[in-house]
Amino acid sequence: MKKATLVLSDGRSFEGELIGSDGETTGEVCFNTGITGYQEILTDPSYCQQIVTMASPHIGNYGVNNQDKESDKVQVAGFILKEETITPSNWRSEDSIGRYLIRNNITGIKNVDTRAIVSHIRDKGAMNGIISSINHNQSALLEKLKKIPS
């Protein structure tokens, strides 16, 4: 697995593994506490250009399909999750969450402590973040974040 780094605009950082497309993405980091509905969250226009942290620890259990979309495209800028289900189990499943993110050019991070991220955002307030699988230098990533409007 390829390494990925999440850096928040207040300097807090998290190390994990890449899920989705190799690259870098920025946006306001938010969270969702739903146990299901991750595909609807990814395609919901209300999450446009945000980096969504899923509070539920297992994402991808039932896969993805063409019927459960809220719009014609993935709206999020990035995706953060604890554990990815590699082999989904559902008769409606057409693909896994990881391949879905790659196909839609979304960079994400997995195998991070999403409870800590959710608590941090809840306590400190909304802030921007950057996910990178190509640069892991916290200072350089913070400099890029400073150029992103709040």
N, C-alpha and C. Protein backbone atom coordinates (compact mmCIF):
# COMPACT_ATOMS: atom_id res chain seq x y z
N MET A 1 0.83 -1.20 0.00
CA MET A 1 0.00 0.00 0.00
C MET A 1 0.86 1.25 0.00
N LYS A 2 0.37 2.27 -0.68
CA LYS A 2 1.09 3.53 -0.77
C LYS A 2 0.70 4.44 0.40
N LYS A 3 1.67 5.11 0.94
CA LYS A 3 1.48 6.02 2.06
C LYS A 3 0.69 7.25 1.62
N ALA A 4 -0.13 7.77 2.54
CA ALA A 4 -0.85 9.03 2.34
C ALA A 4 -0.77 9.82 3.64
N THR A 5 -0.83 11.14 3.50
CA THR A 5 -0.75 12.05 4.64
C THR A 5 -1.92 13.02 4.59
N LEU A 6 -2.53 13.24 5.75
CA LEU A 6 -3.55 14.28 5.91
C LEU A 6 -2.99 15.34 6.83
N VAL A 7 -3.02 16.59 6.39
CA VAL A 7 -2.59 17.70 7.23
C VAL A 7 -3.75 18.69 7.31
N LEU A 8 -4.10 19.08 8.53
CA LEU A 8 -5.14 20.08 8.76
C LEU A 8 -4.50 21.45 8.87
N SER A 9 -5.27 22.49 8.63
CA SER A 9 -4.71 23.84 8.58
C SER A 9 -4.17 24.32 9.92
N ASP A 10 -4.54 23.68 11.03
CA ASP A 10 -3.97 24.05 12.33
C ASP A 10 -2.69 23.27 12.64
N GLY A 11 -2.21 22.45 11.67
CA GLY A 11 -0.96 21.73 11.83
C GLY A 11 -1.09 20.29 12.26
N ARG A 12 -2.26 19.86 12.67
CA ARG A 12 -2.45 18.46 13.05
C ARG A 12 -2.31 17.58 11.81
N SER A 13 -1.62 16.46 11.96
CA SER A 13 -1.44 15.59 10.79
C SER A 13 -1.71 14.14 11.15
N PHE A 14 -2.01 13.37 10.12
CA PHE A 14 -2.33 11.95 10.26
C PHE A 14 -1.67 11.20 9.12
N GLU A 15 -1.07 10.07 9.44
CA GLU A 15 -0.44 9.21 8.44
C GLU A 15 -1.34 8.00 8.21
N GLY A 16 -1.48 7.62 6.96
CA GLY A 16 -2.28 6.45 6.62
C GLY A 16 -1.87 5.91 5.28
N GLU A 17 -2.82 5.31 4.60
CA GLU A 17 -2.57 4.71 3.28
C GLU A 17 -3.51 5.32 2.26
N LEU A 18 -3.05 5.38 1.03
CA LEU A 18 -3.85 5.90 -0.07
C LEU A 18 -5.04 5.00 -0.35
N ILE A 19 -6.18 5.62 -0.57
CA ILE A 19 -7.34 4.96 -1.17
C ILE A 19 -7.78 5.90 -2.29
N GLY A 20 -8.09 5.33 -3.42
CA GLY A 20 -8.48 6.17 -4.55
C GLY A 20 -7.30 6.53 -5.42
N SER A 21 -7.38 7.69 -6.05
CA SER A 21 -6.37 8.13 -7.01
C SER A 21 -5.13 8.69 -6.33
N ASP A 22 -4.00 8.34 -6.88
CA ASP A 22 -2.73 8.88 -6.44
C ASP A 22 -2.72 10.38 -6.72
N GLY A 23 -2.33 11.19 -5.74
CA GLY A 23 -2.28 12.63 -5.97
C GLY A 23 -2.44 13.43 -4.70
N GLU A 24 -3.03 14.60 -4.87
CA GLU A 24 -3.18 15.56 -3.79
C GLU A 24 -4.52 16.25 -3.95
N THR A 25 -5.18 16.54 -2.82
CA THR A 25 -6.45 17.25 -2.87
C THR A 25 -6.60 18.11 -1.63
N THR A 26 -7.33 19.21 -1.77
CA THR A 26 -7.58 20.12 -0.66
C THR A 26 -9.08 20.40 -0.55
N GLY A 27 -9.48 20.83 0.63
CA GLY A 27 -10.88 21.21 0.84
C GLY A 27 -11.15 21.36 2.32
N GLU A 28 -12.35 21.82 2.64
CA GLU A 28 -12.76 21.89 4.04
C GLU A 28 -13.03 20.47 4.53
N VAL A 29 -12.44 20.12 5.66
CA VAL A 29 -12.63 18.79 6.23
C VAL A 29 -13.89 18.79 7.08
N CYS A 30 -14.78 17.86 6.78
CA CYS A 30 -16.01 17.71 7.55
C CYS A 30 -16.17 16.23 7.88
N PHE A 31 -17.24 15.89 8.58
CA PHE A 31 -17.45 14.48 8.90
C PHE A 31 -18.91 14.11 8.76
N ASN A 32 -19.15 12.81 8.63
CA ASN A 32 -20.49 12.25 8.57
C ASN A 32 -20.52 11.05 9.49
N THR A 33 -21.56 10.95 10.30
CA THR A 33 -21.65 9.87 11.28
C THR A 33 -22.53 8.71 10.82
N GLY A 34 -22.98 8.73 9.58
CA GLY A 34 -23.83 7.66 9.07
C GLY A 34 -23.11 6.33 8.99
N ILE A 35 -23.84 5.26 9.25
CA ILE A 35 -23.29 3.91 9.15
C ILE A 35 -23.36 3.42 7.71
N THR A 36 -24.38 3.88 7.00
CA THR A 36 -24.54 3.53 5.59
C THR A 36 -24.69 4.82 4.79
N GLY A 37 -24.78 4.68 3.48
CA GLY A 37 -25.02 5.84 2.63
C GLY A 37 -23.77 6.52 2.13
N TYR A 38 -22.62 5.84 2.18
CA TYR A 38 -21.37 6.49 1.75
C TYR A 38 -21.39 6.87 0.27
N GLN A 39 -22.03 6.09 -0.59
CA GLN A 39 -22.09 6.48 -2.00
C GLN A 39 -22.96 7.72 -2.18
N GLU A 40 -24.06 7.79 -1.45
CA GLU A 40 -24.91 8.97 -1.51
C GLU A 40 -24.15 10.20 -1.00
N ILE A 41 -23.34 10.03 0.05
CA ILE A 41 -22.54 11.13 0.58
C ILE A 41 -21.53 11.61 -0.46
N LEU A 42 -20.85 10.66 -1.11
CA LEU A 42 -19.85 11.03 -2.11
C LEU A 42 -20.45 11.81 -3.27
N THR A 43 -21.69 11.54 -3.62
CA THR A 43 -22.32 12.17 -4.78
C THR A 43 -23.31 13.27 -4.41
N ASP A 44 -23.42 13.60 -3.14
CA ASP A 44 -24.34 14.63 -2.67
C ASP A 44 -23.75 16.03 -2.93
N PRO A 45 -24.44 16.89 -3.68
CA PRO A 45 -23.91 18.22 -3.97
C PRO A 45 -23.65 19.08 -2.72
N SER A 46 -24.27 18.75 -1.59
CA SER A 46 -24.02 19.54 -0.38
C SER A 46 -22.61 19.32 0.16
N TYR A 47 -21.93 18.28 -0.30
CA TYR A 47 -20.54 18.03 0.10
C TYR A 47 -19.54 18.47 -0.98
N CYS A 48 -19.98 19.28 -1.91
CA CYS A 48 -19.15 19.70 -3.04
C CYS A 48 -17.83 20.32 -2.55
N GLN A 49 -16.73 19.77 -3.04
CA GLN A 49 -15.37 20.24 -2.76
C GLN A 49 -14.97 20.16 -1.29
N GLN A 50 -15.64 19.31 -0.51
CA GLN A 50 -15.24 19.08 0.87
C GLN A 50 -14.52 17.74 0.97
N ILE A 51 -13.71 17.59 1.98
CA ILE A 51 -13.06 16.32 2.29
C ILE A 51 -13.88 15.70 3.42
N VAL A 52 -14.53 14.59 3.13
CA VAL A 52 -15.46 13.98 4.08
C VAL A 52 -14.77 12.87 4.86
N THR A 53 -14.87 12.96 6.18
CA THR A 53 -14.39 11.92 7.09
C THR A 53 -15.58 11.07 7.51
N MET A 54 -15.49 9.79 7.30
CA MET A 54 -16.56 8.88 7.72
C MET A 54 -16.27 8.41 9.15
N ALA A 55 -17.21 8.66 10.06
CA ALA A 55 -17.03 8.27 11.46
C ALA A 55 -17.20 6.76 11.66
N SER A 56 -18.01 6.14 10.83
CA SER A 56 -18.20 4.69 10.93
C SER A 56 -16.90 3.99 10.53
N PRO A 57 -16.48 2.96 11.28
CA PRO A 57 -15.16 2.37 11.03
C PRO A 57 -15.01 1.53 9.76
N HIS A 58 -16.07 0.96 9.25
CA HIS A 58 -15.97 0.10 8.06
C HIS A 58 -16.77 0.71 6.92
N ILE A 59 -16.08 1.03 5.84
CA ILE A 59 -16.74 1.64 4.68
C ILE A 59 -16.51 0.75 3.47
N GLY A 60 -17.57 0.52 2.73
CA GLY A 60 -17.48 -0.26 1.51
C GLY A 60 -18.12 -1.63 1.61
N ASN A 61 -18.76 -1.94 2.73
CA ASN A 61 -19.31 -3.29 2.95
C ASN A 61 -20.25 -3.74 1.83
N TYR A 62 -21.08 -2.85 1.35
CA TYR A 62 -22.06 -3.25 0.33
C TYR A 62 -21.71 -2.73 -1.06
N GLY A 63 -20.49 -2.20 -1.23
CA GLY A 63 -20.04 -1.77 -2.55
C GLY A 63 -20.72 -0.51 -3.03
N VAL A 64 -20.66 -0.30 -4.35
CA VAL A 64 -21.30 0.84 -4.99
C VAL A 64 -22.05 0.34 -6.22
N ASN A 65 -23.01 1.14 -6.66
CA ASN A 65 -23.78 0.79 -7.86
C ASN A 65 -24.28 2.07 -8.53
N ASN A 66 -24.83 1.94 -9.70
CA ASN A 66 -25.30 3.12 -10.45
C ASN A 66 -26.65 3.65 -9.99
N GLN A 67 -27.35 2.95 -9.11
CA GLN A 67 -28.66 3.40 -8.68
C GLN A 67 -28.62 4.31 -7.45
N ASP A 68 -27.58 4.24 -6.65
CA ASP A 68 -27.56 4.95 -5.36
C ASP A 68 -26.78 6.26 -5.41
N LYS A 69 -26.87 6.97 -6.50
CA LYS A 69 -26.17 8.26 -6.63
C LYS A 69 -27.15 9.40 -6.39
N GLU A 70 -26.65 10.45 -5.78
CA GLU A 70 -27.45 11.65 -5.55
C GLU A 70 -27.30 12.67 -6.68
N SER A 71 -26.27 12.50 -7.51
CA SER A 71 -26.05 13.38 -8.65
C SER A 71 -25.27 12.59 -9.71
N ASP A 72 -24.97 13.24 -10.81
CA ASP A 72 -24.30 12.56 -11.91
C ASP A 72 -22.81 12.38 -11.73
N LYS A 73 -22.25 12.91 -10.63
CA LYS A 73 -20.81 12.78 -10.42
C LYS A 73 -20.48 12.77 -8.93
N VAL A 74 -19.27 12.37 -8.63
CA VAL A 74 -18.77 12.46 -7.25
C VAL A 74 -18.51 13.93 -6.96
N GLN A 75 -19.02 14.41 -5.85
CA GLN A 75 -18.94 15.84 -5.51
C GLN A 75 -17.80 16.17 -4.54
N VAL A 76 -17.39 15.20 -3.72
CA VAL A 76 -16.40 15.48 -2.69
C VAL A 76 -15.02 15.74 -3.30
N ALA A 77 -14.18 16.45 -2.56
CA ALA A 77 -12.79 16.67 -2.99
C ALA A 77 -11.90 15.54 -2.50
N GLY A 78 -12.25 14.92 -1.40
CA GLY A 78 -11.45 13.84 -0.83
C GLY A 78 -12.28 13.01 0.13
N PHE A 79 -11.68 11.89 0.55
CA PHE A 79 -12.43 10.94 1.38
C PHE A 79 -11.49 10.37 2.43
N ILE A 80 -11.96 10.30 3.69
CA ILE A 80 -11.17 9.80 4.81
C ILE A 80 -11.94 8.67 5.48
N LEU A 81 -11.30 7.53 5.65
CA LEU A 81 -11.97 6.42 6.32
C LEU A 81 -11.00 5.60 7.14
N LYS A 82 -11.56 4.88 8.07
CA LYS A 82 -10.76 4.00 8.93
C LYS A 82 -10.38 2.73 8.16
N GLU A 83 -11.36 1.91 7.81
CA GLU A 83 -11.08 0.64 7.13
C GLU A 83 -11.93 0.50 5.89
N GLU A 84 -11.29 0.07 4.82
CA GLU A 84 -11.95 -0.18 3.55
C GLU A 84 -12.30 -1.66 3.44
N THR A 85 -13.53 -1.93 3.01
CA THR A 85 -13.89 -3.30 2.67
C THR A 85 -13.48 -3.53 1.22
N ILE A 86 -12.53 -4.43 1.03
CA ILE A 86 -11.98 -4.70 -0.31
C ILE A 86 -12.98 -5.48 -1.17
N THR A 87 -13.64 -6.46 -0.57
CA THR A 87 -14.58 -7.31 -1.31
C THR A 87 -15.99 -7.08 -0.77
N PRO A 88 -16.76 -6.21 -1.43
CA PRO A 88 -18.11 -5.94 -0.94
C PRO A 88 -19.03 -7.14 -1.09
N SER A 89 -20.07 -7.16 -0.26
CA SER A 89 -21.03 -8.27 -0.29
C SER A 89 -22.44 -7.71 -0.37
N ASN A 90 -22.96 -7.63 -1.60
CA ASN A 90 -24.32 -7.19 -1.82
C ASN A 90 -24.70 -7.55 -3.25
N TRP A 91 -25.87 -8.04 -3.45
CA TRP A 91 -26.29 -8.46 -4.79
C TRP A 91 -26.36 -7.29 -5.76
N ARG A 92 -26.48 -6.05 -5.26
CA ARG A 92 -26.54 -4.86 -6.11
C ARG A 92 -25.17 -4.27 -6.39
N SER A 93 -24.15 -4.75 -5.73
CA SER A 93 -22.82 -4.17 -5.86
C SER A 93 -22.26 -4.34 -7.27
N GLU A 94 -21.71 -3.24 -7.80
CA GLU A 94 -21.08 -3.25 -9.12
C GLU A 94 -19.58 -3.02 -9.03
N ASP A 95 -19.12 -2.51 -7.89
CA ASP A 95 -17.70 -2.21 -7.73
C ASP A 95 -17.39 -1.98 -6.25
N SER A 96 -16.09 -1.94 -5.93
CA SER A 96 -15.66 -1.64 -4.56
C SER A 96 -15.51 -0.13 -4.40
N ILE A 97 -15.47 0.32 -3.16
CA ILE A 97 -15.32 1.75 -2.88
C ILE A 97 -13.96 2.26 -3.39
N GLY A 98 -12.91 1.47 -3.23
CA GLY A 98 -11.58 1.90 -3.68
C GLY A 98 -11.51 2.10 -5.19
N ARG A 99 -12.04 1.14 -5.94
CA ARG A 99 -12.04 1.28 -7.41
C ARG A 99 -12.96 2.41 -7.86
N TYR A 100 -14.06 2.62 -7.14
CA TYR A 100 -14.98 3.71 -7.45
C TYR A 100 -14.27 5.06 -7.30
N LEU A 101 -13.49 5.21 -6.24
CA LEU A 101 -12.75 6.46 -6.04
C LEU A 101 -11.70 6.66 -7.13
N ILE A 102 -11.00 5.60 -7.50
CA ILE A 102 -10.01 5.69 -8.58
C ILE A 102 -10.70 6.09 -9.87
N ARG A 103 -11.79 5.42 -10.21
CA ARG A 103 -12.51 5.70 -11.45
C ARG A 103 -13.01 7.14 -11.51
N ASN A 104 -13.27 7.74 -10.35
CA ASN A 104 -13.76 9.11 -10.29
C ASN A 104 -12.69 10.13 -9.91
N ASN A 105 -11.43 9.68 -9.92
CA ASN A 105 -10.27 10.55 -9.67
C ASN A 105 -10.34 11.28 -8.32
N ILE A 106 -10.71 10.56 -7.28
CA ILE A 106 -10.79 11.11 -5.93
C ILE A 106 -9.65 10.54 -5.10
N THR A 107 -8.91 11.43 -4.47
CA THR A 107 -7.81 11.03 -3.58
C THR A 107 -8.34 10.95 -2.16
N GLY A 108 -8.00 9.86 -1.49
CA GLY A 108 -8.43 9.68 -0.12
C GLY A 108 -7.35 9.04 0.73
N ILE A 109 -7.66 8.93 2.01
CA ILE A 109 -6.73 8.32 2.96
C ILE A 109 -7.53 7.34 3.83
N LYS A 110 -6.92 6.20 4.10
CA LYS A 110 -7.55 5.19 4.95
C LYS A 110 -6.56 4.73 6.00
N ASN A 111 -7.05 3.92 6.92
CA ASN A 111 -6.25 3.41 8.04
C ASN A 111 -5.70 4.55 8.90
N VAL A 112 -6.58 5.52 9.15
CA VAL A 112 -6.29 6.60 10.08
C VAL A 112 -7.33 6.56 11.20
N ASP A 113 -7.04 7.23 12.30
CA ASP A 113 -7.96 7.28 13.44
C ASP A 113 -9.05 8.31 13.15
N THR A 114 -10.12 7.87 12.52
CA THR A 114 -11.19 8.80 12.16
C THR A 114 -11.89 9.38 13.40
N ARG A 115 -11.91 8.64 14.50
CA ARG A 115 -12.50 9.19 15.73
C ARG A 115 -11.73 10.42 16.18
N ALA A 116 -10.40 10.37 16.08
CA ALA A 116 -9.57 11.51 16.47
C ALA A 116 -9.82 12.70 15.54
N ILE A 117 -9.96 12.42 14.25
CA ILE A 117 -10.22 13.51 13.29
C ILE A 117 -11.58 14.15 13.57
N VAL A 118 -12.61 13.32 13.75
CA VAL A 118 -13.95 13.84 14.04
C VAL A 118 -13.93 14.66 15.33
N SER A 119 -13.32 14.17 16.38
CA SER A 119 -13.24 14.90 17.66
C SER A 119 -12.51 16.22 17.49
N HIS A 120 -11.43 16.20 16.72
CA HIS A 120 -10.63 17.41 16.51
C HIS A 120 -11.44 18.48 15.77
N ILE A 121 -12.12 18.08 14.69
CA ILE A 121 -12.94 19.02 13.93
C ILE A 121 -14.11 19.53 14.77
N ARG A 122 -14.73 18.62 15.52
CA ARG A 122 -15.85 19.02 16.37
C ARG A 122 -15.41 20.04 17.42
N ASP A 123 -14.23 19.82 18.02
CA ASP A 123 -13.76 20.70 19.09
C ASP A 123 -13.12 21.99 18.59
N LYS A 124 -12.40 21.93 17.48
CA LYS A 124 -11.65 23.10 16.98
C LYS A 124 -12.40 23.89 15.92
N GLY A 125 -13.43 23.29 15.32
CA GLY A 125 -14.19 23.98 14.29
C GLY A 125 -13.72 23.64 12.89
N ALA A 126 -14.48 24.12 11.94
CA ALA A 126 -14.19 23.84 10.53
C ALA A 126 -12.81 24.35 10.14
N MET A 127 -12.12 23.53 9.35
CA MET A 127 -10.80 23.94 8.85
C MET A 127 -10.49 23.18 7.57
N ASN A 128 -9.61 23.77 6.80
CA ASN A 128 -9.18 23.12 5.56
C ASN A 128 -8.19 22.01 5.86
N GLY A 129 -8.06 21.13 4.88
CA GLY A 129 -7.09 20.06 4.98
C GLY A 129 -6.56 19.70 3.61
N ILE A 130 -5.48 18.95 3.61
CA ILE A 130 -4.88 18.46 2.38
C ILE A 130 -4.54 16.98 2.57
N ILE A 131 -4.89 16.19 1.58
CA ILE A 131 -4.50 14.77 1.54
C ILE A 131 -3.51 14.64 0.41
N SER A 132 -2.37 14.01 0.70
CA SER A 132 -1.37 13.82 -0.34
C SER A 132 -0.77 12.43 -0.26
N SER A 133 -0.60 11.84 -1.43
CA SER A 133 0.14 10.58 -1.53
C SER A 133 1.45 10.80 -2.28
N ILE A 134 1.72 12.06 -2.64
CA ILE A 134 2.94 12.36 -3.40
C ILE A 134 3.93 13.23 -2.63
N ASN A 135 3.47 13.85 -1.56
CA ASN A 135 4.32 14.72 -0.75
C ASN A 135 3.94 14.48 0.71
N HIS A 136 4.92 14.17 1.55
CA HIS A 136 4.62 13.89 2.96
C HIS A 136 5.31 14.87 3.89
N ASN A 137 5.81 15.97 3.34
CA ASN A 137 6.47 17.00 4.12
C ASN A 137 5.40 17.93 4.71
N GLN A 138 5.24 17.86 6.03
CA GLN A 138 4.17 18.62 6.68
C GLN A 138 4.30 20.12 6.44
N SER A 139 5.50 20.67 6.49
CA SER A 139 5.68 22.11 6.27
C SER A 139 5.26 22.51 4.86
N ALA A 140 5.64 21.72 3.89
CA ALA A 140 5.28 22.02 2.50
C ALA A 140 3.77 21.92 2.30
N LEU A 141 3.15 20.92 2.91
CA LEU A 141 1.71 20.77 2.78
C LEU A 141 0.97 21.91 3.48
N LEU A 142 1.48 22.36 4.62
CA LEU A 142 0.87 23.51 5.31
C LEU A 142 0.96 24.77 4.46
N GLU A 143 2.07 24.96 3.76
CA GLU A 143 2.23 26.12 2.88
C GLU A 143 1.18 26.09 1.76
N LYS A 144 0.94 24.92 1.20
CA LYS A 144 -0.10 24.79 0.17
C LYS A 144 -1.47 25.12 0.75
N LEU A 145 -1.72 24.69 1.98
CA LEU A 145 -3.01 24.96 2.62
C LEU A 145 -3.26 26.44 2.84
N LYS A 146 -2.20 27.19 3.13
CA LYS A 146 -2.34 28.63 3.37
C LYS A 146 -2.89 29.37 2.14
N LYS A 147 -2.71 28.79 0.98
CA LYS A 147 -3.16 29.41 -0.27
C LYS A 147 -4.62 29.07 -0.61
N ILE A 148 -5.22 28.18 0.18
CA ILE A 148 -6.59 27.75 -0.08
C ILE A 148 -7.55 28.64 0.71
N PRO A 149 -8.56 29.24 0.04
CA PRO A 149 -9.50 30.09 0.79
C PRO A 149 -10.28 29.28 1.83
N SER A 150 -10.60 29.92 2.95
CA SER A 150 -11.39 29.26 3.98
C SER A 150 -12.85 29.29 3.59
